[in-house]
PDB file of N, CA and C in Angstrom:
ATOM      1  N   UNK A   1     -18.161  36.128  53.879  1.00  0.00           N
ATOM      2  CA  UNK A   1     -18.115  34.755  54.662  1.00  0.00           C
ATOM      3  C   UNK A   1     -19.613  35.284  55.759  1.00  0.00           C
ATOM      4  N   UNK A   2     -20.642  34.335  55.533  1.00  0.00           N
ATOM      5  CA  UNK A   2     -21.660  34.572  56.329  1.00  0.00           C
ATOM      6  C   UNK A   2     -21.265  33.445  57.621  1.00  0.00           C
ATOM      7  N   UNK A   3     -21.637  33.852  58.993  1.00  0.00           N
ATOM      8  CA  UNK A   3     -21.259  32.855  60.123  1.00  0.00           C
ATOM      9  C   UNK A   3     -22.725  32.513  60.577  1.00  0.00           C
ATOM     10  N   UNK A   4     -22.968  31.613  60.499  1.00  0.00           N
ATOM     11  CA  UNK A   4     -24.393  30.676  61.282  1.00  0.00           C
ATOM     12  C   UNK A   4     -23.899  30.600  63.044  1.00  0.00           C
ATOM     13  N   UNK A   5     -24.555  31.048  63.898  1.00  0.00           N
ATOM     14  CA  UNK A   5     -24.343  30.862  65.538  1.00  0.00           C
ATOM     15  C   UNK A   5     -25.778  29.923  65.819  1.00  0.00           C
ATOM     16  N   UNK A   6     -25.297  29.129  66.698  1.00  0.00           N
ATOM     17  CA  UNK A   6     -26.216  28.355  67.347  1.00  0.00           C
ATOM     18  C   UNK A   6     -26.304  28.219  68.989  1.00  0.00           C
ATOM     19  N   UNK A   7     -27.292  29.022  69.358  1.00  0.00           N
ATOM     20  CA  UNK A   7     -27.280  29.406  70.736  1.00  0.00           C
ATOM     21  C   UNK A   7     -28.679  28.710  71.671  1.00  0.00           C
ATOM     22  N   UNK A   8     -28.200  27.810  72.302  1.00  0.00           N
ATOM     23  CA  UNK A   8     -29.567  26.939  72.795  1.00  0.00           C
ATOM     24  C   UNK A   8     -30.773  27.045  72.105  1.00  0.00           C
ATOM     25  N   UNK A   9     -30.700  26.407  70.687  1.00  0.00           N
ATOM     26  CA  UNK A   9     -31.610  26.304  70.089  1.00  0.00           C
ATOM     27  C   UNK A   9     -31.997  27.813  69.041  1.00  0.00           C
ATOM     28  N   UNK A  10     -31.563  28.762  69.306  1.00  0.00           N
ATOM     29  CA  UNK A  10     -31.531  29.665  68.390  1.00  0.00           C
ATOM     30  C   UNK A  10     -30.434  30.122  67.266  1.00  0.00           C
ATOM     31  N   UNK A  11     -30.949  30.267  66.266  1.00  0.00           N
ATOM     32  CA  UNK A  11     -30.322  30.055  65.075  1.00  0.00           C
ATOM     33  C   UNK A  11     -30.057  31.398  64.515  1.00  0.00           C
ATOM     34  N   UNK A  12     -29.090  32.199  64.276  1.00  0.00           N
ATOM     35  CA  UNK A  12     -29.045  33.306  63.789  1.00  0.00           C
ATOM     36  C   UNK A  12     -27.985  33.481  62.556  1.00  0.00           C
ATOM     37  N   UNK A  13     -28.921  33.137  61.289  1.00  0.00           N
ATOM     38  CA  UNK A  13     -28.225  32.627  60.109  1.00  0.00           C
ATOM     39  C   UNK A  13     -27.731  34.015  59.177  1.00  0.00           C
ATOM     40  N   UNK A  14     -26.463  33.853  58.753  1.00  0.00           N
ATOM     41  CA  UNK A  14     -26.350  34.773  57.839  1.00  0.00           C
ATOM     42  C   UNK A  14     -25.904  35.900  58.460  1.00  0.00           C
ATOM     43  N   UNK A  15     -25.496  35.892  59.908  1.00  0.00           N
ATOM     44  CA  UNK A  15     -25.162  37.084  60.562  1.00  0.00           C
ATOM     45  C   UNK A  15     -23.763  37.694  60.386  1.00  0.00           C
ATOM     46  N   UNK A  16     -23.585  38.865  59.942  1.00  0.00           N
ATOM     47  CA  UNK A  16     -22.125  39.511  59.615  1.00  0.00           C
ATOM     48  C   UNK A  16     -21.344  40.005  60.818  1.00  0.00           C
ATOM     49  N   UNK A  17     -22.157  40.244  61.538  1.00  0.00           N
ATOM     50  CA  UNK A  17     -21.499  41.172  62.771  1.00  0.00           C
ATOM     51  C   UNK A  17     -22.637  40.956  64.056  1.00  0.00           C
ATOM     52  N   UNK A  18     -21.939  40.925  65.049  1.00  0.00           N
ATOM     53  CA  UNK A  18     -22.759  40.591  66.406  1.00  0.00           C
ATOM     54  C   UNK A  18     -22.098  41.542  67.478  1.00  0.00           C
ATOM     55  N   UNK A  19     -22.573  41.989  68.387  1.00  0.00           N
ATOM     56  CA  UNK A  19     -21.812  42.901  69.673  1.00  0.00           C
ATOM     57  C   UNK A  19     -22.408  42.195  70.806  1.00  0.00           C
ATOM     58  N   UNK A  20     -21.840  42.014  71.796  1.00  0.00           N
ATOM     59  CA  UNK A  20     -22.317  41.468  72.997  1.00  0.00           C
ATOM     60  C   UNK A  20     -21.957  42.732  74.075  1.00  0.00           C
ATOM     61  N   UNK A  21     -22.759  42.671  74.771  1.00  0.00           N
ATOM     62  CA  UNK A  21     -22.870  43.861  76.394  1.00  0.00           C
ATOM     63  C   UNK A  21     -23.058  42.711  77.283  1.00  0.00           C
ATOM     64  N   UNK A  22     -22.299  43.057  78.369  1.00  0.00           N
ATOM     65  CA  UNK A  22     -22.392  41.938  79.561  1.00  0.00           C
ATOM     66  C   UNK A  22     -23.185  43.095  80.409  1.00  0.00           C
ATOM     67  N   UNK A  23     -24.255  42.741  81.323  1.00  0.00           N
ATOM     68  CA  UNK A  23     -24.917  43.532  82.286  1.00  0.00           C
ATOM     69  C   UNK A  23     -24.710  42.971  83.250  1.00  0.00           C
ATOM     70  N   UNK A  24     -24.849  43.391  84.569  1.00  0.00           N
ATOM     71  CA  UNK A  24     -24.596  42.819  85.926  1.00  0.00           C
ATOM     72  C   UNK A  24     -25.602  41.820  86.623  1.00  0.00           C
ATOM     73  N   UNK A  25     -26.675  42.257  86.123  1.00  0.00           N
ATOM     74  CA  UNK A  25     -27.824  41.308  86.989  1.00  0.00           C
ATOM     75  C   UNK A  25     -28.725  41.165  85.747  1.00  0.00           C
ATOM     76  N   UNK A  26     -29.729  39.831  86.405  1.00  0.00           N
ATOM     77  CA  UNK A  26     -30.963  39.657  85.181  1.00  0.00           C
ATOM     78  C   UNK A  26     -31.791  40.950  85.316  1.00  0.00           C
ATOM     79  N   UNK A  27     -31.953  41.865  86.227  1.00  0.00           N
ATOM     80  CA  UNK A  27     -33.352  42.843  86.289  1.00  0.00           C
ATOM     81  C   UNK A  27     -32.523  43.933  85.154  1.00  0.00           C
ATOM     82  N   UNK A  28     -31.137  44.170  85.380  1.00  0.00           N
ATOM     83  CA  UNK A  28     -30.409  45.257  84.390  1.00  0.00           C
ATOM     84  C   UNK A  28     -30.545  44.804  82.934  1.00  0.00           C
ATOM     85  N   UNK A  29     -30.214  43.425  82.816  1.00  0.00           N
ATOM     86  CA  UNK A  29     -30.606  42.720  81.356  1.00  0.00           C
ATOM     87  C   UNK A  29     -32.028  42.985  81.018  1.00  0.00           C
ATOM     88  N   UNK A  30     -33.060  42.579  81.817  1.00  0.00           N
ATOM     89  CA  UNK A  30     -34.368  42.710  81.530  1.00  0.00           C
ATOM     90  C   UNK A  30     -34.649  44.351  80.931  1.00  0.00           C
ATOM     91  N   UNK A  31     -34.248  45.129  82.032  1.00  0.00           N
ATOM     92  CA  UNK A  31     -34.422  46.695  81.731  1.00  0.00           C
ATOM     93  C   UNK A  31     -33.674  47.280  80.184  1.00  0.00           C
ATOM     94  N   UNK A  32     -32.494  46.847  80.094  1.00  0.00           N
ATOM     95  CA  UNK A  32     -31.983  47.385  79.089  1.00  0.00           C
ATOM     96  C   UNK A  32     -32.626  46.628  77.654  1.00  0.00           C
ATOM     97  N   UNK A  33     -33.028  45.724  77.753  1.00  0.00           N
ATOM     98  CA  UNK A  33     -33.933  45.046  76.479  1.00  0.00           C
ATOM     99  C   UNK A  33     -35.040  45.782  76.482  1.00  0.00           C
ATOM    100  N   UNK A  34     -35.874  46.078  77.616  1.00  0.00           N
ATOM    101  CA  UNK A  34     -37.167  46.816  77.268  1.00  0.00           C
ATOM    102  C   UNK A  34     -36.516  48.277  76.789  1.00  0.00           C
ATOM    103  N   UNK A  35     -35.812  48.891  77.204  1.00  0.00           N
ATOM    104  CA  UNK A  35     -35.297  50.352  76.996  1.00  0.00           C
ATOM    105  C   UNK A  35     -34.862  50.245  75.279  1.00  0.00           C
ATOM    106  N   UNK A  36     -34.320  49.255  75.069  1.00  0.00           N
ATOM    107  CA  UNK A  36     -33.826  49.231  73.548  1.00  0.00           C
ATOM    108  C   UNK A  36     -34.827  49.093  72.483  1.00  0.00           C
ATOM    109  N   UNK A  37     -35.601  48.291  73.311  1.00  0.00           N
ATOM    110  CA  UNK A  37     -37.115  47.799  72.239  1.00  0.00           C
ATOM    111  C   UNK A  37     -37.748  49.295  72.257  1.00  0.00           C
ATOM    112  N   UNK A  38     -37.843  50.018  73.479  1.00  0.00           N
ATOM    113  CA  UNK A  38     -38.636  51.414  73.347  1.00  0.00           C
ATOM    114  C   UNK A  38     -38.170  52.319  72.441  1.00  0.00           C
ATOM    115  N   UNK A  39     -36.402  52.389  72.308  1.00  0.00           N
ATOM    116  CA  UNK A  39     -35.880  53.197  71.513  1.00  0.00           C
ATOM    117  C   UNK A  39     -35.895  52.862  69.684  1.00  0.00           C
ATOM    118  N   UNK A  40     -36.428  51.812  69.613  1.00  0.00           N
ATOM    119  CA  UNK A  40     -36.601  51.382  68.170  1.00  0.00           C
ATOM    120  C   UNK A  40     -35.952  50.217  67.794  1.00  0.00           C
ATOM    121  N   UNK A  41     -35.042  49.749  68.557  1.00  0.00           N
ATOM    122  CA  UNK A  41     -34.333  48.482  68.313  1.00  0.00           C
ATOM    123  C   UNK A  41     -35.414  47.185  68.282  1.00  0.00           C
ATOM    124  N   UNK A  42     -35.677  46.342  66.990  1.00  0.00           N
ATOM    125  CA  UNK A  42     -36.224  45.328  67.086  1.00  0.00           C
ATOM    126  C   UNK A  42     -35.936  44.058  67.806  1.00  0.00           C
ATOM    127  N   UNK A  43     -36.846  43.633  68.602  1.00  0.00           N
ATOM    128  CA  UNK A  43     -36.704  42.685  69.225  1.00  0.00           C
ATOM    129  C   UNK A  43     -36.260  41.230  68.550  1.00  0.00           C
ATOM    130  N   UNK A  44     -35.295  40.704  68.955  1.00  0.00           N
ATOM    131  CA  UNK A  44     -34.637  39.402  68.208  1.00  0.00           C
ATOM    132  C   UNK A  44     -34.877  38.364  68.797  1.00  0.00           C
ATOM    133  N   UNK A  45     -34.894  38.057  70.119  1.00  0.00           N
ATOM    134  CA  UNK A  45     -35.084  36.792  71.077  1.00  0.00           C
ATOM    135  C   UNK A  45     -35.378  37.687  72.341  1.00  0.00           C
ATOM    136  N   UNK A  46     -36.442  37.508  72.927  1.00  0.00           N
ATOM    137  CA  UNK A  46     -36.860  37.943  74.591  1.00  0.00           C
ATOM    138  C   UNK A  46     -35.727  37.393  75.443  1.00  0.00           C
ATOM    139  N   UNK A  47     -35.672  37.940  76.517  1.00  0.00           N
ATOM    140  CA  UNK A  47     -34.768  37.486  77.460  1.00  0.00           C
ATOM    141  C   UNK A  47     -35.004  36.153  77.954  1.00  0.00           C
ATOM    142  N   UNK A  48     -34.234  35.175  78.177  1.00  0.00           N
ATOM    143  CA  UNK A  48     -34.267  33.684  78.529  1.00  0.00           C
ATOM    144  C   UNK A  48     -33.361  33.176  79.255  1.00  0.00           C
ATOM    145  N   UNK A  49     -33.039  32.385  80.190  1.00  0.00           N
ATOM    146  CA  UNK A  49     -32.294  31.997  81.114  1.00  0.00           C
ATOM    147  C   UNK A  49     -31.644  30.663  80.146  1.00  0.00           C
ATOM    148  N   UNK A  50     -30.348  30.810  79.933  1.00  0.00           N
ATOM    149  CA  UNK A  50     -29.623  29.942  78.703  1.00  0.00           C
ATOM    150  C   UNK A  50     -29.432  28.706  79.977  1.00  0.00           C
ATOM    151  N   UNK A  51     -28.798  28.837  81.183  1.00  0.00           N
ATOM    152  CA  UNK A  51     -28.512  27.974  82.098  1.00  0.00           C
ATOM    153  C   UNK A  51     -28.923  28.479  83.384  1.00  0.00           C
ATOM    154  N   UNK A  52     -29.040  28.002  84.705  1.00  0.00           N
ATOM    155  CA  UNK A  52     -29.470  28.643  85.855  1.00  0.00           C
ATOM    156  C   UNK A  52     -28.779  29.903  86.179  1.00  0.00           C
ATOM    157  N   UNK A  53     -27.296  30.028  85.655  1.00  0.00           N
ATOM    158  CA  UNK A  53     -26.424  31.025  85.887  1.00  0.00           C
ATOM    159  C   UNK A  53     -26.331  31.913  84.783  1.00  0.00           C
ATOM    160  N   UNK A  54     -26.948  31.704  83.796  1.00  0.00           N
ATOM    161  CA  UNK A  54     -26.992  32.677  82.535  1.00  0.00           C
ATOM    162  C   UNK A  54     -27.884  33.093  81.581  1.00  0.00           C
ATOM    163  N   UNK A  55     -28.026  34.210  81.299  1.00  0.00           N
ATOM    164  CA  UNK A  55     -29.377  34.938  80.708  1.00  0.00           C
ATOM    165  C   UNK A  55     -28.761  35.760  79.625  1.00  0.00           C
ATOM    166  N   UNK A  56     -29.722  35.520  78.606  1.00  0.00           N
ATOM    167  CA  UNK A  56     -29.440  36.095  77.406  1.00  0.00           C
ATOM    168  C   UNK A  56     -30.912  37.196  76.649  1.00  0.00           C
ATOM    169  N   UNK A  57     -30.453  37.995  75.771  1.00  0.00           N
ATOM    170  CA  UNK A  57     -31.335  38.407  74.943  1.00  0.00           C
ATOM    171  C   UNK A  57     -30.960  39.145  73.837  1.00  0.00           C
ATOM    172  N   UNK A  58     -31.552  39.140  72.926  1.00  0.00           N
ATOM    173  CA  UNK A  58     -30.959  39.913  71.443  1.00  0.00           C
ATOM    174  C   UNK A  58     -31.694  40.869  70.915  1.00  0.00           C
ATOM    175  N   UNK A  59     -31.380  41.837  70.280  1.00  0.00           N
ATOM    176  CA  UNK A  59     -32.168  42.802  69.453  1.00  0.00           C
ATOM    177  C   UNK A  59     -31.152  43.228  68.406  1.00  0.00           C
ATOM    178  N   UNK A  60     -31.892  43.822  67.190  1.00  0.00           N
ATOM    179  CA  UNK A  60     -31.424  44.174  66.170  1.00  0.00           C
ATOM    180  C   UNK A  60     -31.289  45.617  65.871  1.00  0.00           C
ATOM    181  N   UNK A  61     -30.149  46.312  65.907  1.00  0.00           N
ATOM    182  CA  UNK A  61     -30.340  47.738  65.882  1.00  0.00           C
ATOM    183  C   UNK A  61     -30.695  48.086  64.432  1.00  0.00           C
ATOM    184  N   UNK A  62     -30.994  49.403  63.988  1.00  0.00           N
ATOM    185  CA  UNK A  62     -31.362  49.778  62.734  1.00  0.00           C
ATOM    186  C   UNK A  62     -30.589  49.873  61.626  1.00  0.00           C
ATOM    187  N   UNK A  63     -28.905  49.647  61.860  1.00  0.00           N
ATOM    188  CA  UNK A  63     -28.165  49.070  60.874  1.00  0.00           C
ATOM    189  C   UNK A  63     -28.041  47.783  60.426  1.00  0.00           C
ATOM    190  N   UNK A  64     -28.957  46.891  61.433  1.00  0.00           N
ATOM    191  CA  UNK A  64     -28.890  45.559  60.936  1.00  0.00           C
ATOM    192  C   UNK A  64     -28.156  44.650  61.810  1.00  0.00           C
ATOM    193  N   UNK A  65     -27.136  45.075  62.459  1.00  0.00           N
ATOM    194  CA  UNK A  65     -26.188  44.591  63.917  1.00  0.00           C
ATOM    195  C   UNK A  65     -27.123  43.676  64.959  1.00  0.00           C
ATOM    196  N   UNK A  66     -26.805  42.775  64.872  1.00  0.00           N
ATOM    197  CA  UNK A  66     -27.226  41.754  66.335  1.00  0.00           C
ATOM    198  C   UNK A  66     -26.708  42.144  67.252  1.00  0.00           C
ATOM    199  N   UNK A  67     -27.500  42.687  68.642  1.00  0.00           N
ATOM    200  CA  UNK A  67     -26.593  42.967  69.591  1.00  0.00           C
ATOM    201  C   UNK A  67     -26.868  41.772  70.811  1.00  0.00           C
ATOM    202  N   UNK A  68     -26.266  41.270  71.340  1.00  0.00           N
ATOM    203  CA  UNK A  68     -26.593  40.139  71.996  1.00  0.00           C
ATOM    204  C   UNK A  68     -26.118  40.948  73.766  1.00  0.00           C
ATOM    205  N   UNK A  69     -27.230  40.731  74.581  1.00  0.00           N
ATOM    206  CA  UNK A  69     -26.980  41.268  75.931  1.00  0.00           C
ATOM    207  C   UNK A  69     -27.065  39.898  76.809  1.00  0.00           C
ATOM    208  N   UNK A  70     -26.079  39.909  77.624  1.00  0.00           N
ATOM    209  CA  UNK A  70     -25.801  38.995  78.241  1.00  0.00           C
ATOM    210  C   UNK A  70     -25.700  38.873  79.990  1.00  0.00           C
ATOM    211  N   UNK A  71     -25.970  38.519  80.778  1.00  0.00           N
ATOM    212  CA  UNK A  71     -25.805  38.611  82.250  1.00  0.00           C
ATOM    213  C   UNK A  71     -25.700  37.435  83.377  1.00  0.00           C
ATOM    214  N   UNK A  72     -24.671  37.508  84.238  1.00  0.00           N
ATOM    215  CA  UNK A  72     -24.618  36.193  84.857  1.00  0.00           C
ATOM    216  C   UNK A  72     -25.651  36.207  86.110  1.00  0.00           C
ATOM    217  N   UNK A  73     -26.584  35.367  86.396  1.00  0.00           N
ATOM    218  CA  UNK A  73     -27.556  35.599  87.323  1.00  0.00           C
ATOM    219  C   UNK A  73     -26.932  34.679  88.469  1.00  0.00           C
ATOM    220  N   UNK A  74     -25.874  34.130  88.688  1.00  0.00           N
ATOM    221  CA  UNK A  74     -25.421  33.284  89.895  1.00  0.00           C
ATOM    222  C   UNK A  74     -25.519  34.176  91.273  1.00  0.00           C
ATOM    223  N   UNK A  75     -25.210  35.420  90.807  1.00  0.00           N
ATOM    224  CA  UNK A  75     -25.257  36.044  92.023  1.00  0.00           C
ATOM    225  C   UNK A  75     -26.043  36.965  92.573  1.00  0.00           C
ATOM    226  N   UNK A  76     -27.422  36.783  91.590  1.00  0.00           N
ATOM    227  CA  UNK A  76     -28.362  37.753  91.869  1.00  0.00           C
ATOM    228  C   UNK A  76     -29.100  37.338  93.115  1.00  0.00           C
ATOM    229  N   UNK A  77     -29.055  36.530  93.940  1.00  0.00           N
ATOM    230  CA  UNK A  77     -29.955  35.754  94.871  1.00  0.00           C
ATOM    231  C   UNK A  77     -29.120  36.381  96.140  1.00  0.00           C
TER     232      UNK A  77
END
């Protein structure tokens, strides 16, 4: 069964698997996204603020899994 996810205007159609990792800060999320891209993970969605307190990014791993990186930005200040 295929799953369609709708996240702030981003549609990930026919996604069978997704894994989410929580990072503690905006800077940690941005650094992990860049590190994963450097290791060959395909950028799926560059880091962006979902709300003033929540940041997301997505990459696809070599096996076709989508990895969601998320961070609360409320305590960054």
